[in-house]
C-alpha atoms as a PDB file:
ATOM      1  CA  ALA A   1      46.974 -22.883 -35.211  1.00  0.00           C
ATOM      2  CA  PRO A   2      50.557 -23.847 -35.198  1.00  0.00           C
ATOM      3  CA  PRO A   3      51.027 -27.367 -33.904  1.00  0.00           C
ATOM      4  CA  GLY A   4      51.418 -27.727 -30.096  1.00  0.00           C
ATOM      5  CA  VAL A   5      50.099 -24.364 -28.968  1.00  0.00           C
ATOM      6  CA  ASP A   6      48.620 -24.310 -25.462  1.00  0.00           C
ATOM      7  CA  PRO A   7      44.873 -23.328 -25.391  1.00  0.00           C
ATOM      8  CA  ALA A   8      45.015 -21.481 -22.035  1.00  0.00           C
ATOM      9  CA  ALA A   9      47.930 -19.273 -23.269  1.00  0.00           C
ATOM     10  CA  VAL A  10      46.200 -18.586 -26.523  1.00  0.00           C
ATOM     11  CA  VAL A  11      43.003 -17.532 -24.799  1.00  0.00           C
ATOM     12  CA  GLN A  12      44.942 -15.320 -22.284  1.00  0.00           C
ATOM     13  CA  ALA A  13      46.882 -13.511 -25.147  1.00  0.00           C
ATOM     14  CA  ALA A  14      43.654 -13.005 -27.097  1.00  0.00           C
ATOM     15  CA  LEU A  15      41.763 -11.646 -24.197  1.00  0.00           C
ATOM     16  CA  ALA A  16      44.596  -9.325 -23.074  1.00  0.00           C
ATOM     17  CA  MET A  17      44.826  -7.818 -26.467  1.00  0.00           C
ATOM     18  CA  GLY A  18      41.084  -7.483 -26.877  1.00  0.00           C
ATOM     19  CA  VAL A  19      40.654  -5.869 -23.436  1.00  0.00           C
ATOM     20  CA  ALA A  20      43.412  -3.372 -24.148  1.00  0.00           C
ATOM     21  CA  GLN A  21      41.791  -2.402 -27.432  1.00  0.00           C
ATOM     22  CA  LEU A  22      38.084  -2.324 -26.310  1.00  0.00           C
ATOM     23  CA  PHE A  23      38.662  -0.690 -22.968  1.00  0.00           C
ATOM     24  CA  GLY A  24      41.654   1.431 -24.073  1.00  0.00           C
ATOM     25  CA  ASN A  25      39.804   4.669 -23.243  1.00  0.00           C
ATOM     26  CA  THR A  26      40.262   4.153 -19.509  1.00  0.00           C
ATOM     27  CA  GLY A  27      42.658   6.480 -17.568  1.00  0.00           C
ATOM     28  CA  PRO A  28      46.148   5.816 -16.382  1.00  0.00           C
ATOM     29  CA  THR A  29      45.066   3.730 -13.295  1.00  0.00           C
ATOM     30  CA  GLY A  30      43.055   1.469 -15.543  1.00  0.00           C
ATOM     31  CA  GLN A  31      45.960   1.158 -18.071  1.00  0.00           C
ATOM     32  CA  ARG A  32      48.307   0.091 -15.280  1.00  0.00           C
ATOM     33  CA  ALA A  33      45.747  -2.390 -13.939  1.00  0.00           C
ATOM     34  CA  MET A  34      45.239  -3.957 -17.326  1.00  0.00           C
ATOM     35  CA  ALA A  35      48.929  -4.168 -17.945  1.00  0.00           C
ATOM     36  CA  ALA A  36      49.516  -5.827 -14.442  1.00  0.00           C
ATOM     37  CA  MET A  37      46.680  -8.220 -15.072  1.00  0.00           C
ATOM     38  CA  ASP A  38      48.116  -9.208 -18.314  1.00  0.00           C
ATOM     39  CA  ARG A  39      51.543  -9.907 -16.897  1.00  0.00           C
ATOM     40  CA  ARG A  40      50.237 -11.964 -14.042  1.00  0.00           C
ATOM     41  CA  LEU A  41      47.841 -14.054 -15.987  1.00  0.00           C
ATOM     42  CA  ALA A  42      50.289 -14.576 -18.798  1.00  0.00           C
ATOM     43  CA  ALA A  43      52.762 -15.951 -16.307  1.00  0.00           C
ATOM     44  CA  LEU A  44      50.106 -18.350 -14.939  1.00  0.00           C
ATOM     45  CA  ALA A  45      48.944 -19.427 -18.323  1.00  0.00           C
ATOM     46  CA  THR A  46      52.470 -20.212 -19.554  1.00  0.00           C
ATOM     47  CA  GLN A  47      53.743 -21.693 -16.348  1.00  0.00           C
ATOM     48  CA  GLY A  48      55.669 -24.933 -17.089  1.00  0.00           C
ATOM     49  CA  LEU A  49      55.675 -24.503 -20.794  1.00  0.00           C
ATOM     50  CA  PRO A  50      58.862 -24.597 -22.842  1.00  0.00           C
ATOM     51  CA  PRO A  51      59.810 -21.072 -23.914  1.00  0.00           C
ATOM     52  CA  ALA A  52      59.209 -21.746 -27.561  1.00  0.00           C
ATOM     53  CA  GLN A  53      55.765 -23.215 -26.983  1.00  0.00           C
ATOM     54  CA  ALA A  54      54.855 -20.373 -24.657  1.00  0.00           C
ATOM     55  CA  GLN A  55      55.758 -17.702 -27.216  1.00  0.00           C
ATOM     56  CA  ALA A  56      54.046 -19.537 -30.138  1.00  0.00           C
ATOM     57  CA  SER A  57      50.839 -19.764 -27.992  1.00  0.00           C
ATOM     58  CA  LEU A  58      50.906 -16.067 -27.024  1.00  0.00           C
ATOM     59  CA  ASP A  59      51.681 -15.034 -30.658  1.00  0.00           C
ATOM     60  CA  HIS A  60      48.840 -17.095 -31.959  1.00  0.00           C
ATOM     61  CA  GLY A  61      46.387 -15.575 -29.373  1.00  0.00           C
ATOM     62  CA  ARG A  62      47.429 -12.049 -30.422  1.00  0.00           C
ATOM     63  CA  ALA A  63      46.990 -12.969 -34.122  1.00  0.00           C
ATOM     64  CA  LEU A  64      43.519 -14.227 -33.420  1.00  0.00           C
ATOM     65  CA  ALA A  65      42.689 -11.059 -31.548  1.00  0.00           C
ATOM     66  CA  ALA A  66      44.070  -8.821 -34.271  1.00  0.00           C
ATOM     67  CA  HIS A  67      41.932 -10.639 -36.865  1.00  0.00           C
ATOM     68  CA  VAL A  68      38.805 -10.233 -34.828  1.00  0.00           C
ATOM     69  CA  LEU A  69      39.491  -6.567 -33.976  1.00  0.00           C
ATOM     70  CA  ALA A  70      40.181  -5.748 -37.599  1.00  0.00           C
ATOM     71  CA  TRP A  71      36.793  -7.176 -38.547  1.00  0.00           C
ATOM     72  CA  ALA A  72      35.050  -5.470 -35.580  1.00  0.00           C
ATOM     73  CA  ALA A  73      36.479  -2.092 -36.753  1.00  0.00           C
ATOM     74  CA  THR A  74      34.138  -2.200 -39.784  1.00  0.00           C
ATOM     75  CA  ASP A  75      30.846  -2.942 -37.981  1.00  0.00           C
ATOM     76  CA  GLY A  76      29.800   0.685 -37.577  1.00  0.00           C
ATOM     77  CA  GLY A  77      30.271   0.880 -33.853  1.00  0.00           C
ATOM     78  CA  ALA A  78      34.053   1.336 -33.593  1.00  0.00           C
ATOM     79  CA  VAL A  79      33.938   5.127 -33.173  1.00  0.00           C
ATOM     80  CA  VAL A  80      31.488   6.524 -30.509  1.00  0.00           C
ATOM     81  CA  ASP A  81      31.098  10.336 -30.530  1.00  0.00           C
ATOM     82  CA  ASN A  82      30.769  12.201 -27.253  1.00  0.00           C
ATOM     83  CA  MET A  83      30.454   9.031 -25.213  1.00  0.00           C
ATOM     84  CA  GLY A  84      27.441   7.959 -27.266  1.00  0.00           C
ATOM     85  CA  PHE A  85      25.421  11.236 -27.052  1.00  0.00           C
ATOM     86  CA  PRO A  86      25.989  12.799 -30.552  1.00  0.00           C
ATOM     87  CA  HIS A  87      25.805  16.560 -30.895  1.00  0.00           C
ATOM     88  CA  ASP A  88      23.962  16.474 -34.187  1.00  0.00           C
ATOM     89  CA  TRP A  89      20.780  14.704 -33.027  1.00  0.00           C
ATOM     90  CA  ARG A  90      17.474  16.629 -33.435  1.00  0.00           C
ATOM     91  CA  PRO A  91      14.202  15.644 -31.758  1.00  0.00           C
ATOM     92  CA  ALA A  92      11.237  14.516 -33.813  1.00  0.00           C
ATOM     93  CA  PRO A  93       8.125  16.792 -33.722  1.00  0.00           C
ATOM     94  CA  GLY A  94       4.930  15.420 -32.058  1.00  0.00           C
ATOM     95  CA  PRO A  95       3.862  14.634 -28.559  1.00  0.00           C
ATOM     96  CA  GLY A  96       4.484  10.841 -28.742  1.00  0.00           C
ATOM     97  CA  HIS A  97       8.250  11.114 -29.446  1.00  0.00           C
ATOM     98  CA  TRP A  98      11.040  10.761 -27.038  1.00  0.00           C
ATOM     99  CA  VAL A  99      12.251  13.799 -25.116  1.00  0.00           C
ATOM    100  CA  PRO A 100      15.132  14.077 -22.533  1.00  0.00           C
ATOM    101  CA  THR A 101      14.201  12.832 -19.060  1.00  0.00           C
ATOM    102  CA  SER A 102      17.429  13.853 -17.351  1.00  0.00           C
ATOM    103  CA  LEU A 103      18.751  17.233 -16.244  1.00  0.00           C
ATOM    104  CA  ILE A 104      22.324  16.024 -17.034  1.00  0.00           C
ATOM    105  CA  ARG A 105      23.566  18.289 -19.889  1.00  0.00           C
ATOM    106  CA  GLN A 106      25.137  15.467 -21.898  1.00  0.00           C
ATOM    107  CA  GLN A 107      21.881  13.463 -21.776  1.00  0.00           C
ATOM    108  CA  GLN A 108      19.819  16.034 -23.735  1.00  0.00           C
ATOM    109  CA  THR A 109      20.433  13.804 -26.691  1.00  0.00           C
ATOM    110  CA  PRO A 110      19.660  10.048 -26.666  1.00  0.00           C
ATOM    111  CA  LEU A 111      22.382   7.365 -26.227  1.00  0.00           C
ATOM    112  CA  LEU A 112      23.662   5.793 -29.372  1.00  0.00           C
ATOM    113  CA  PRO A 113      20.907   6.644 -31.793  1.00  0.00           C
ATOM    114  CA  HIS A 114      22.618   4.886 -34.688  1.00  0.00           C
ATOM    115  CA  TRP A 115      23.591   1.664 -32.947  1.00  0.00           C
ATOM    116  CA  GLY A 116      20.693  -0.168 -34.657  1.00  0.00           C
ATOM    117  CA  ASP A 117      22.539   0.388 -38.015  1.00  0.00           C
ATOM    118  CA  ASN A 118      25.572  -1.585 -36.875  1.00  0.00           C
ATOM    119  CA  ARG A 119      26.370  -4.982 -38.372  1.00  0.00           C
ATOM    120  CA  PRO A 120      25.242  -7.849 -36.228  1.00  0.00           C
ATOM    121  CA  PHE A 121      27.147 -11.112 -35.662  1.00  0.00           C
ATOM    122  CA  VAL A 122      24.519 -13.473 -36.812  1.00  0.00           C
ATOM    123  CA  LEU A 123      21.374 -11.648 -38.039  1.00  0.00           C
ATOM    124  CA  ALA A 124      21.329  -9.995 -41.494  1.00  0.00           C
ATOM    125  CA  SER A 125      20.674  -6.518 -40.063  1.00  0.00           C
ATOM    126  CA  GLY A 126      19.356  -4.792 -36.984  1.00  0.00           C
ATOM    127  CA  ALA A 127      15.832  -4.898 -38.728  1.00  0.00           C
ATOM    128  CA  ALA A 128      15.850  -8.795 -38.826  1.00  0.00           C
ATOM    129  CA  CYS A 129      13.764  -9.251 -35.659  1.00  0.00           C
ATOM    130  CA  GLY A 130      11.599  -6.224 -36.126  1.00  0.00           C
ATOM    131  CA  LEU A 131       8.434  -5.487 -34.055  1.00  0.00           C
ATOM    132  CA  ALA A 132       4.951  -4.217 -34.725  1.00  0.00           C
ATOM    133  CA  ALA A 133       4.341  -0.576 -33.605  1.00  0.00           C
ATOM    134  CA  PRO A 134       3.367  -0.043 -30.002  1.00  0.00           C
ATOM    135  CA  PRO A 135      -0.213   1.190 -29.319  1.00  0.00           C
ATOM    136  CA  PRO A 136      -0.744   4.443 -31.059  1.00  0.00           C
ATOM    137  CA  TYR A 137      -0.068   7.480 -28.940  1.00  0.00           C
ATOM    138  CA  SER A 138      -3.158   8.978 -27.386  1.00  0.00           C
ATOM    139  CA  GLU A 139      -4.177  10.970 -24.386  1.00  0.00           C
ATOM    140  CA  ALA A 140      -7.833  10.085 -24.609  1.00  0.00           C
ATOM    141  CA  PRO A 141      -9.324   8.229 -21.607  1.00  0.00           C
ATOM    142  CA  GLY A 142      -9.928   4.595 -22.474  1.00  0.00           C
ATOM    143  CA  SER A 143      -7.292   4.507 -25.152  1.00  0.00           C
ATOM    144  CA  ALA A 144      -4.940   1.635 -25.271  1.00  0.00           C
ATOM    145  CA  PHE A 145      -1.935   3.838 -24.812  1.00  0.00           C
ATOM    146  CA  ARG A 146      -3.352   5.713 -21.894  1.00  0.00           C
ATOM    147  CA  ALA A 147      -4.307   2.417 -20.323  1.00  0.00           C
ATOM    148  CA  GLU A 148      -0.698   1.265 -20.498  1.00  0.00           C
ATOM    149  CA  ALA A 149       0.440   4.494 -18.850  1.00  0.00           C
ATOM    150  CA  GLU A 150      -2.190   4.230 -16.198  1.00  0.00           C
ATOM    151  CA  GLU A 151      -1.041   0.815 -15.447  1.00  0.00           C
ATOM    152  CA  VAL A 152       2.568   1.926 -14.790  1.00  0.00           C
ATOM    153  CA  TRP A 153       1.206   4.746 -12.567  1.00  0.00           C
ATOM    154  CA  HIS A 154      -1.102   2.408 -10.536  1.00  0.00           C
ATOM    155  CA  VAL A 155       1.444  -0.325 -10.127  1.00  0.00           C
ATOM    156  CA  SER A 156       4.171   2.149  -9.015  1.00  0.00           C
ATOM    157  CA  LYS A 157       1.830   3.649  -6.267  1.00  0.00           C
ATOM    158  CA  GLY A 158       1.088   0.268  -4.802  1.00  0.00           C
ATOM    159  CA  LEU A 159       4.274  -1.665  -5.226  1.00  0.00           C
ATOM    160  CA  THR A 160       4.602  -4.794  -2.993  1.00  0.00           C
ATOM    161  CA  GLU A 161       7.832  -5.542  -1.198  1.00  0.00           C
ATOM    162  CA  GLU A 162       8.348  -8.395  -3.797  1.00  0.00           C
ATOM    163  CA  GLN A 163       7.860  -6.086  -6.741  1.00  0.00           C
ATOM    164  CA  THR A 164      10.237  -3.543  -5.331  1.00  0.00           C
ATOM    165  CA  THR A 165      12.790  -6.277  -4.791  1.00  0.00           C
ATOM    166  CA  ILE A 166      12.400  -7.437  -8.353  1.00  0.00           C
ATOM    167  CA  ALA A 167      12.908  -3.925  -9.729  1.00  0.00           C
ATOM    168  CA  ARG A 168      15.971  -3.419  -7.581  1.00  0.00           C
ATOM    169  CA  PHE A 169      17.455  -6.833  -8.348  1.00  0.00           C
ATOM    170  CA  TRP A 170      17.353  -6.252 -12.148  1.00  0.00           C
ATOM    171  CA  SER A 171      18.095  -2.561 -12.160  1.00  0.00           C
ATOM    172  CA  ASP A 172      21.773  -3.226 -13.102  1.00  0.00           C
ATOM    173  CA  ASP A 173      22.662   0.447 -13.268  1.00  0.00           C
ATOM    174  CA  PRO A 174      25.773   1.423 -15.167  1.00  0.00           C
ATOM    175  CA  MET A 175      28.898   2.070 -12.996  1.00  0.00           C
ATOM    176  CA  LEU A 176      27.078   0.742  -9.926  1.00  0.00           C
ATOM    177  CA  SER A 177      26.676  -2.972 -11.033  1.00  0.00           C
ATOM    178  CA  PRO A 178      27.750  -5.440 -13.670  1.00  0.00           C
ATOM    179  CA  THR A 179      25.144  -3.881 -16.013  1.00  0.00           C
ATOM    180  CA  PRO A 180      22.381  -5.901 -17.713  1.00  0.00           C
ATOM    181  CA  PRO A 181      24.633  -7.930 -20.024  1.00  0.00           C
ATOM    182  CA  GLY A 182      27.185  -8.396 -17.242  1.00  0.00           C
ATOM    183  CA  HIS A 183      24.345  -9.813 -15.107  1.00  0.00           C
ATOM    184  CA  TRP A 184      23.696 -12.614 -17.546  1.00  0.00           C
ATOM    185  CA  VAL A 185      27.366 -13.240 -17.891  1.00  0.00           C
ATOM    186  CA  ALA A 186      27.565 -13.694 -14.222  1.00  0.00           C
ATOM    187  CA  ILE A 187      24.643 -16.178 -14.341  1.00  0.00           C
ATOM    188  CA  ALA A 188      26.393 -18.133 -17.037  1.00  0.00           C
ATOM    189  CA  LEU A 189      29.726 -18.075 -15.196  1.00  0.00           C
ATOM    190  CA  ALA A 190      28.173 -19.450 -11.991  1.00  0.00           C
ATOM    191  CA  GLU A 191      26.560 -22.319 -13.822  1.00  0.00           C
ATOM    192  CA  LEU A 192      29.754 -23.174 -15.646  1.00  0.00           C
ATOM    193  CA  GLU A 193      31.721 -23.095 -12.346  1.00  0.00           C
ATOM    194  CA  GLY A 194      29.095 -25.277 -10.781  1.00  0.00           C
ATOM    195  CA  GLN A 195      29.613 -27.829 -13.543  1.00  0.00           C
ATOM    196  CA  ALA A 196      33.456 -27.546 -13.373  1.00  0.00           C
ATOM    197  CA  ALA A 197      33.135 -26.908 -17.085  1.00  0.00           C
ATOM    198  CA  PRO A 198      36.278 -27.327 -19.224  1.00  0.00           C
ATOM    199  CA  LEU A 199      37.793 -24.444 -21.117  1.00  0.00           C
ATOM    200  CA  ALA A 200      36.210 -25.244 -24.503  1.00  0.00           C
ATOM    201  CA  ARG A 201      32.746 -25.438 -22.916  1.00  0.00           C
ATOM    202  CA  ARG A 202      33.301 -22.135 -21.165  1.00  0.00           C
ATOM    203  CA  ALA A 203      34.397 -20.466 -24.342  1.00  0.00           C
ATOM    204  CA  GLU A 204      31.439 -21.839 -26.212  1.00  0.00           C
ATOM    205  CA  VAL A 205      28.889 -20.555 -23.672  1.00  0.00           C
ATOM    206  CA  LEU A 206      30.422 -17.176 -23.355  1.00  0.00           C
ATOM    207  CA  ALA A 207      30.835 -16.661 -27.061  1.00  0.00           C
ATOM    208  CA  LEU A 208      27.272 -17.595 -27.859  1.00  0.00           C
ATOM    209  CA  LEU A 209      25.833 -15.548 -24.999  1.00  0.00           C
ATOM    210  CA  GLY A 210      27.947 -12.497 -25.921  1.00  0.00           C
ATOM    211  CA  ILE A 211      26.980 -12.791 -29.541  1.00  0.00           C
ATOM    212  CA  ALA A 212      23.316 -13.071 -28.621  1.00  0.00           C
ATOM    213  CA  MET A 213      23.379 -10.045 -26.351  1.00  0.00           C
ATOM    214  CA  SER A 214      25.331  -7.910 -28.875  1.00  0.00           C
ATOM    215  CA  ASP A 215      22.894  -8.757 -31.681  1.00  0.00           C
ATOM    216  CA  ALA A 216      19.964  -8.111 -29.263  1.00  0.00           C
ATOM    217  CA  PHE A 217      21.197  -4.586 -28.616  1.00  0.00           C
ATOM    218  CA  VAL A 218      21.548  -3.863 -32.309  1.00  0.00           C
ATOM    219  CA  CYS A 219      18.052  -5.119 -32.993  1.00  0.00           C
ATOM    220  CA  CYS A 220      16.549  -3.390 -29.999  1.00  0.00           C
ATOM    221  CA  TRP A 221      18.167  -0.080 -30.802  1.00  0.00           C
ATOM    222  CA  HIS A 222      17.006  -0.384 -34.359  1.00  0.00           C
ATOM    223  CA  GLU A 223      13.343  -0.502 -33.111  1.00  0.00           C
ATOM    224  CA  LYS A 224      13.925   2.068 -30.457  1.00  0.00           C
ATOM    225  CA  PHE A 225      14.846   4.691 -32.867  1.00  0.00           C
ATOM    226  CA  ARG A 226      12.418   3.572 -35.586  1.00  0.00           C
ATOM    227  CA  HIS A 227       9.422   4.059 -33.161  1.00  0.00           C
ATOM    228  CA  ASP A 228      11.121   6.779 -30.964  1.00  0.00           C
ATOM    229  CA  LEU A 229       8.471   6.535 -28.242  1.00  0.00           C
ATOM    230  CA  LEU A 230       8.441   8.754 -25.141  1.00  0.00           C
ATOM    231  CA  ARG A 231       9.020   7.354 -21.673  1.00  0.00           C
ATOM    232  CA  PRO A 232       6.336   6.804 -19.031  1.00  0.00           C
ATOM    233  CA  VAL A 233       7.666   9.609 -16.845  1.00  0.00           C
ATOM    234  CA  THR A 234       7.139  12.069 -19.657  1.00  0.00           C
ATOM    235  CA  TYR A 235       3.579  10.959 -20.439  1.00  0.00           C
ATOM    236  CA  ILE A 236       2.460  10.558 -16.828  1.00  0.00           C
ATOM    237  CA  HIS A 237       3.726  14.075 -15.895  1.00  0.00           C
ATOM    238  CA  ARG A 238       1.966  15.523 -18.889  1.00  0.00           C
ATOM    239  CA  VAL A 239      -1.348  13.705 -18.683  1.00  0.00           C
ATOM    240  CA  ILE A 240      -1.859  11.926 -15.315  1.00  0.00           C
ATOM    241  CA  ASP A 241       0.124  13.135 -12.390  1.00  0.00           C
ATOM    242  CA  PRO A 242       2.828  15.962 -12.628  1.00  0.00           C
ATOM    243  CA  ASP A 243       4.348  14.972  -9.201  1.00  0.00           C
ATOM    244  CA  TRP A 244       4.871  11.200  -9.958  1.00  0.00           C
ATOM    245  CA  GLN A 245       8.337   9.762  -9.864  1.00  0.00           C
ATOM    246  CA  PRO A 246       9.434   6.189 -11.000  1.00  0.00           C
ATOM    247  CA  LEU A 247      11.255   3.881  -8.679  1.00  0.00           C
ATOM    248  CA  LEU A 248      14.172   3.579 -11.078  1.00  0.00           C
ATOM    249  CA  ILE A 249      16.148   6.235 -12.944  1.00  0.00           C
ATOM    250  CA  THR A 250      14.812   6.470 -16.547  1.00  0.00           C
ATOM    251  CA  PRO A 251      17.705   5.850 -18.998  1.00  0.00           C
ATOM    252  CA  PRO A 252      18.322   8.420 -21.786  1.00  0.00           C
ATOM    253  CA  PHE A 253      16.910   6.848 -24.929  1.00  0.00           C
ATOM    254  CA  PRO A 254      13.470   5.950 -26.365  1.00  0.00           C
ATOM    255  CA  GLU A 255      11.132   3.505 -24.620  1.00  0.00           C
ATOM    256  CA  TYR A 256       9.970   0.860 -27.096  1.00  0.00           C
ATOM    257  CA  PRO A 257      10.992  -1.916 -26.812  1.00  0.00           C
ATOM    258  CA  SER A 258      12.608  -2.590 -23.458  1.00  0.00           C
ATOM    259  CA  GLY A 259      16.352  -3.128 -23.826  1.00  0.00           C
ATOM    260  CA  HIS A 260      16.476  -5.340 -20.714  1.00  0.00           C
ATOM    261  CA  SER A 261      13.544  -7.409 -22.021  1.00  0.00           C
ATOM    262  CA  THR A 262      15.171  -7.967 -25.510  1.00  0.00           C
ATOM    263  CA  LEU A 263      18.581  -8.672 -23.981  1.00  0.00           C
ATOM    264  CA  SER A 264      17.147 -11.111 -21.460  1.00  0.00           C
ATOM    265  CA  GLY A 265      15.004 -12.862 -23.881  1.00  0.00           C
ATOM    266  CA  ALA A 266      17.988 -13.486 -26.114  1.00  0.00           C
ATOM    267  CA  ALA A 267      20.252 -14.602 -23.238  1.00  0.00           C
ATOM    268  CA  ALA A 268      17.613 -16.992 -21.989  1.00  0.00           C
ATOM    269  CA  GLU A 269      17.098 -18.685 -25.369  1.00  0.00           C
ATOM    270  CA  VAL A 270      20.819 -19.242 -25.842  1.00  0.00           C
ATOM    271  CA  LEU A 271      21.427 -20.551 -22.253  1.00  0.00           C
ATOM    272  CA  THR A 272      18.332 -22.776 -22.625  1.00  0.00           C
ATOM    273  CA  ALA A 273      19.922 -24.242 -25.717  1.00  0.00           C
ATOM    274  CA  LEU A 274      23.220 -24.791 -24.017  1.00  0.00           C
ATOM    275  CA  PHE A 275      22.152 -25.990 -20.619  1.00  0.00           C
ATOM    276  CA  GLY A 276      18.809 -27.587 -21.543  1.00  0.00           C
ATOM    277  CA  PRO A 277      15.103 -26.650 -20.758  1.00  0.00           C
ATOM    278  CA  GLY A 278      14.077 -26.726 -17.144  1.00  0.00           C
ATOM    279  CA  HIS A 279      17.579 -25.912 -15.821  1.00  0.00           C
ATOM    280  CA  ALA A 280      16.928 -24.454 -12.396  1.00  0.00           C
ATOM    281  CA  PHE A 281      19.435 -22.115 -10.853  1.00  0.00           C
ATOM    282  CA  VAL A 282      20.040 -19.534  -8.138  1.00  0.00           C
ATOM    283  CA  ASP A 283      21.153 -16.034  -9.221  1.00  0.00           C
ATOM    284  CA  ARG A 284      23.703 -14.582  -6.759  1.00  0.00           C
ATOM    285  CA  THR A 285      24.871 -11.720  -9.034  1.00  0.00           C
ATOM    286  CA  HIS A 286      24.144  -9.013  -6.537  1.00  0.00           C
ATOM    287  CA  GLU A 287      24.918 -10.839  -3.284  1.00  0.00           C
ATOM    288  CA  ASP A 288      28.038  -8.750  -2.678  1.00  0.00           C
ATOM    289  CA  GLU A 289      25.869  -5.603  -3.024  1.00  0.00           C
ATOM    290  CA  GLY A 290      23.511  -6.774  -0.278  1.00  0.00           C
ATOM    291  CA  LEU A 291      20.694  -8.066  -2.548  1.00  0.00           C
ATOM    292  CA  ALA A 292      19.469 -11.570  -1.630  1.00  0.00           C
ATOM    293  CA  PRO A 293      19.930 -14.373  -4.216  1.00  0.00           C
ATOM    294  CA  ARG A 294      16.862 -15.296  -6.322  1.00  0.00           C
ATOM    295  CA  ALA A 295      15.960 -18.786  -7.425  1.00  0.00           C
ATOM    296  CA  PHE A 296      14.398 -19.496 -10.852  1.00  0.00           C
ATOM    297  CA  ALA A 297      12.890 -22.540 -12.363  1.00  0.00           C
ATOM    298  CA  ASP A 298      14.767 -21.874 -15.644  1.00  0.00           C
ATOM    299  CA  PHE A 299      16.363 -19.216 -17.694  1.00  0.00           C
ATOM    300  CA  ARG A 300      13.149 -18.046 -19.431  1.00  0.00           C
ATOM    301  CA  ALA A 301      11.490 -17.533 -16.043  1.00  0.00           C
ATOM    302  CA  ALA A 302      14.507 -15.245 -15.111  1.00  0.00           C
ATOM    303  CA  ALA A 303      14.085 -13.361 -18.403  1.00  0.00           C
ATOM    304  CA  ALA A 304      10.375 -12.787 -17.686  1.00  0.00           C
ATOM    305  CA  GLU A 305      11.191 -11.364 -14.367  1.00  0.00           C
ATOM    306  CA  ALA A 306      13.874  -9.175 -15.749  1.00  0.00           C
ATOM    307  CA  GLY A 307      11.382  -7.841 -18.261  1.00  0.00           C
ATOM    308  CA  ILE A 308       8.537  -7.113 -15.843  1.00  0.00           C
ATOM    309  CA  SER A 309      11.033  -5.419 -13.486  1.00  0.00           C
ATOM    310  CA  ARG A 310      11.110  -2.478 -15.746  1.00  0.00           C
ATOM    311  CA  LEU A 311       7.326  -1.949 -15.475  1.00  0.00           C
ATOM    312  CA  TYR A 312       7.661  -2.161 -11.678  1.00  0.00           C
ATOM    313  CA  GLY A 313      10.473   0.331 -11.881  1.00  0.00           C
ATOM    314  CA  GLY A 314       8.331   2.741 -13.791  1.00  0.00           C
ATOM    315  CA  ILE A 315      10.469   3.148 -16.870  1.00  0.00           C
ATOM    316  CA  HIS A 316       8.611   0.951 -19.440  1.00  0.00           C
ATOM    317  CA  PHE A 317       5.046   0.257 -20.592  1.00  0.00           C
ATOM    318  CA  ARG A 318       3.818  -3.341 -20.764  1.00  0.00           C
ATOM    319  CA  ALA A 319       4.027  -3.591 -24.639  1.00  0.00           C
ATOM    320  CA  ALA A 320       7.731  -2.665 -24.514  1.00  0.00           C
ATOM    321  CA  VAL A 321       8.346  -5.482 -21.962  1.00  0.00           C
ATOM    322  CA  GLU A 322       6.304  -8.261 -23.629  1.00  0.00           C
ATOM    323  CA  ARG A 323       7.396  -7.462 -27.240  1.00  0.00           C
ATOM    324  CA  GLY A 324      10.960  -6.943 -26.142  1.00  0.00           C
ATOM    325  CA  LEU A 325      10.962 -10.424 -24.757  1.00  0.00           C
ATOM    326  CA  ASP A 326       9.570 -11.681 -28.161  1.00  0.00           C
ATOM    327  CA  GLN A 327      12.370  -9.817 -30.008  1.00  0.00           C
ATOM    328  CA  GLY A 328      14.985 -11.340 -27.734  1.00  0.00           C
ATOM    329  CA  ARG A 329      13.635 -14.831 -28.306  1.00  0.00           C
ATOM    330  CA  CYS A 330      13.903 -14.229 -32.081  1.00  0.00           C
ATOM    331  CA  VAL A 331      17.481 -13.159 -31.792  1.00  0.00           C
ATOM    332  CA  GLY A 332      18.389 -15.851 -29.290  1.00  0.00           C
ATOM    333  CA  ALA A 333      16.879 -18.581 -31.539  1.00  0.00           C
ATOM    334  CA  ALA A 334      18.992 -17.476 -34.462  1.00  0.00           C
ATOM    335  CA  VAL A 335      22.165 -17.384 -32.467  1.00  0.00           C
ATOM    336  CA  ALA A 336      21.553 -20.760 -30.899  1.00  0.00           C
ATOM    337  CA  GLU A 337      21.714 -22.266 -34.458  1.00  0.00           C
ATOM    338  CA  LEU A 338      25.458 -21.420 -34.712  1.00  0.00           C
ATOM    339  CA  ARG A 339      27.733 -24.406 -34.746  1.00  0.00           C
ATOM    340  CA  MET A 340      30.706 -23.805 -32.401  1.00  0.00           C
ATOM    341  CA  ARG A 341      32.236 -27.331 -32.566  1.00  0.00           C
ATOM    342  CA  ALA A 342      33.620 -29.315 -35.514  1.00  0.00           C
END
């Protein structure tokens, strides 16, 4: 960096440029909102700075953003076709493979089937934290696969109030909530705010958390489309109960492993490394949406609850939950080894 640049102004300029690029597909209202936010925050970040220092700081932030965005453009995920539902996808033959679970026309193909081929930040490839295959597909009574499906069915028909609350709390539906990664960002931000953390600490935590969750999704999607397993609602309708409905909406991509489990396992490992083991906290992410806060003994306990919420919600088998958490821990441990300070 040039001598004398102001860190807050650098961060603001980098974020403004990054947001404009990464969320540039929003409509005119969103474009105006981003531009207004940039002007307001840039004025705050440069308030009291000599004009030359302010300009040098903003220029340096934009240069950093341009460098990162140029590198990001080569990771395989820069261009997303048809909002992530490619026209050229063809289903695999056989009863155990994923089939659409939604009547929405666009969701007759799965979301981002090639995301597992993208370049991760830390891991060598999306295959780096691979998983053993799930129980082999079977409709035979007493088989391991049918037993997992029967568990989802039985649990869903006798959900306790607490289990229903857990499923709703971690549902994190797109466009109705911060989404699963946003949920963990909200947790991290609340803990940083509670510690009145300085700027460098906040950047460190958010960078490592973001890297972990990004790599977790690449690894998870690699396994999802390697195993291409059908969802509980498909199996249960076919084999057990044609009238059954899960508590949560089944997302449009293969079942194994659970994305929320992999993501949460990775997030918990990184946050444990950053805040220490046994760090108790209260999660207020959905308080504004009318969901009561939940208290956790540590980040790993929250990740375990996030994982099992998908079984309570009827959208994942147990193997996808437990092995997804394993995969996330593998990703998180690798990311936690990054050195973010000189």
